[in-house]
Every structure is written in structure tokens, then in C-alpha cells.
Amino acid sequence: MAKLKLRSKDLRAVGYPEGPVISIAMNIMEKNYKFEKEDSVMNLLRKILESPVEYKNDAVLGLIAQQAGAKARSRKPNPGQPRHG
């Protein structure tokens, strides 16, 4: 069975922001989920990104959730600021 090999562009494609969270997620997943199928791992990474609070106390996934949650909070627009787009 092949070992898991994630690519940063795949994580960015599912919504992970550029920065340390990508390498952290890749390292943790490749170490702890190395024999899982890539699509299963990517689904789990999507769930962490969508709801980092649910994973923040997880012994393995907590660091990813912490980093993903911090990035998500910093990207949310300020309600008092007009949105451009």
C-alpha cells in the first residue's frame, strides 16, 4: 500500500490559506494517517477547516484546527467595514 503524499496545492484548493497551516497539516497527516486513502484524508482536512472548534482538543488534529481557526478568524471581514468585491 502506498504511503500518503499530500501536496500544498491540494490543500489550497480545498480552502487552506497560504502559510504555516499547510505544512503543519501536511506533516501531521502524512505522519499519522500515512496509510489512509488521500480522498479520506482530504475530507477530514475539509471538516477541520469548516469547523476547527470541533477538533481543537484532538491530540493529533488539534494543531491543524488551531492554525486553521486562527486563519479563518483573521480573514473574516469586520462588520463595520465595507466589503469590496
Protein backbone atom coordinates (compact mmCIF):
# COMPACT_ATOMS: atom_id res chain seq x y z
CA MET A 1 0.00 0.00 0.00
CA ALA A 2 1.34 3.41 -0.97
CA LYS A 3 2.10 5.97 1.69
CA LEU A 4 0.08 9.16 1.81
CA LYS A 5 1.65 12.07 -0.06
CA LEU A 6 -0.20 15.38 0.14
CA ARG A 7 0.52 18.45 -1.98
CA SER A 8 0.17 22.02 -0.81
CA LYS A 9 -1.84 22.95 -3.90
CA ASP A 10 -4.44 20.32 -2.95
CA LEU A 11 -4.84 21.89 0.49
CA ARG A 12 -5.13 25.36 -1.02
CA ALA A 13 -7.75 24.00 -3.44
CA VAL A 14 -10.00 22.99 -0.53
CA GLY A 15 -9.61 26.37 1.16
CA TYR A 16 -6.50 26.26 3.33
CA PRO A 17 -4.83 29.68 3.36
CA GLU A 18 -1.23 30.20 2.37
CA GLY A 19 1.03 29.94 5.39
CA PRO A 20 2.30 27.58 8.06
CA VAL A 21 -1.04 25.79 8.44
CA ILE A 22 -0.44 23.98 5.13
CA SER A 23 2.92 22.49 6.08
CA ILE A 24 1.64 21.69 9.58
CA ALA A 25 -1.38 19.87 8.14
CA MET A 26 0.73 18.00 5.59
CA ASN A 27 3.26 16.86 8.20
CA ILE A 28 0.65 15.74 10.73
CA MET A 29 -1.48 13.91 8.19
CA GLU A 30 1.45 12.20 6.45
CA LYS A 31 2.81 11.02 9.81
CA ASN A 32 -0.44 9.93 11.48
CA TYR A 33 -2.60 8.94 8.51
CA LYS A 34 0.10 7.60 6.21
CA PHE A 35 -1.82 4.51 5.13
CA GLU A 36 -5.21 6.19 4.67
CA LYS A 37 -6.60 6.99 1.24
CA GLU A 38 -5.94 10.51 0.05
CA ASP A 39 -9.63 11.30 -0.50
CA SER A 40 -10.44 10.29 3.10
CA VAL A 41 -7.65 12.48 4.44
CA MET A 42 -8.72 15.42 2.27
CA ASN A 43 -12.31 15.04 3.51
CA LEU A 44 -11.06 15.13 7.09
CA LEU A 45 -8.96 18.23 6.34
CA ARG A 46 -12.06 19.92 4.85
CA LYS A 47 -14.03 19.13 8.02
CA ILE A 48 -11.26 20.59 10.19
CA LEU A 49 -11.23 23.76 8.10
CA GLU A 50 -15.04 24.08 8.18
CA SER A 51 -15.29 23.57 11.94
CA PRO A 52 -11.93 23.88 13.70
CA VAL A 53 -13.60 24.20 17.12
CA GLU A 54 -14.72 20.57 16.93
CA TYR A 55 -11.11 19.40 16.57
CA LYS A 56 -9.23 21.86 18.78
CA ASN A 57 -8.88 19.37 21.67
CA ASP A 58 -7.92 16.42 19.47
CA ALA A 59 -4.46 15.09 20.37
CA VAL A 60 -3.45 14.66 16.71
CA LEU A 61 -5.56 17.16 14.78
CA GLY A 62 -5.68 19.93 17.37
CA LEU A 63 -2.71 21.86 16.00
CA ILE A 64 -4.21 21.90 12.50
CA ALA A 65 -7.53 23.08 13.94
CA GLN A 66 -5.81 25.77 15.99
CA GLN A 67 -3.93 27.10 12.97
CA ALA A 68 -6.95 26.83 10.65
CA GLY A 69 -9.18 28.56 13.19
CA ALA A 70 -6.73 31.43 13.64
CA LYS A 71 -6.52 31.98 9.89
CA ALA A 72 -10.31 31.81 9.49
CA ARG A 73 -10.80 34.42 12.21
CA SER A 74 -8.25 36.75 10.64
CA ARG A 75 -9.93 36.51 7.22
CA LYS A 76 -13.47 37.37 8.38
CA PRO A 77 -14.47 40.88 7.37
CA ASN A 78 -15.08 43.41 10.09
CA PRO A 79 -18.87 44.09 10.21
CA GLY A 80 -18.21 47.83 10.43
CA GLN A 81 -16.05 47.84 7.32
CA PRO A 82 -17.48 48.00 3.79
CA ARG A 83 -16.77 44.92 1.73
CA HIS A 84 -15.02 45.25 -1.58
CA GLY A 85 -15.54 42.81 -4.32
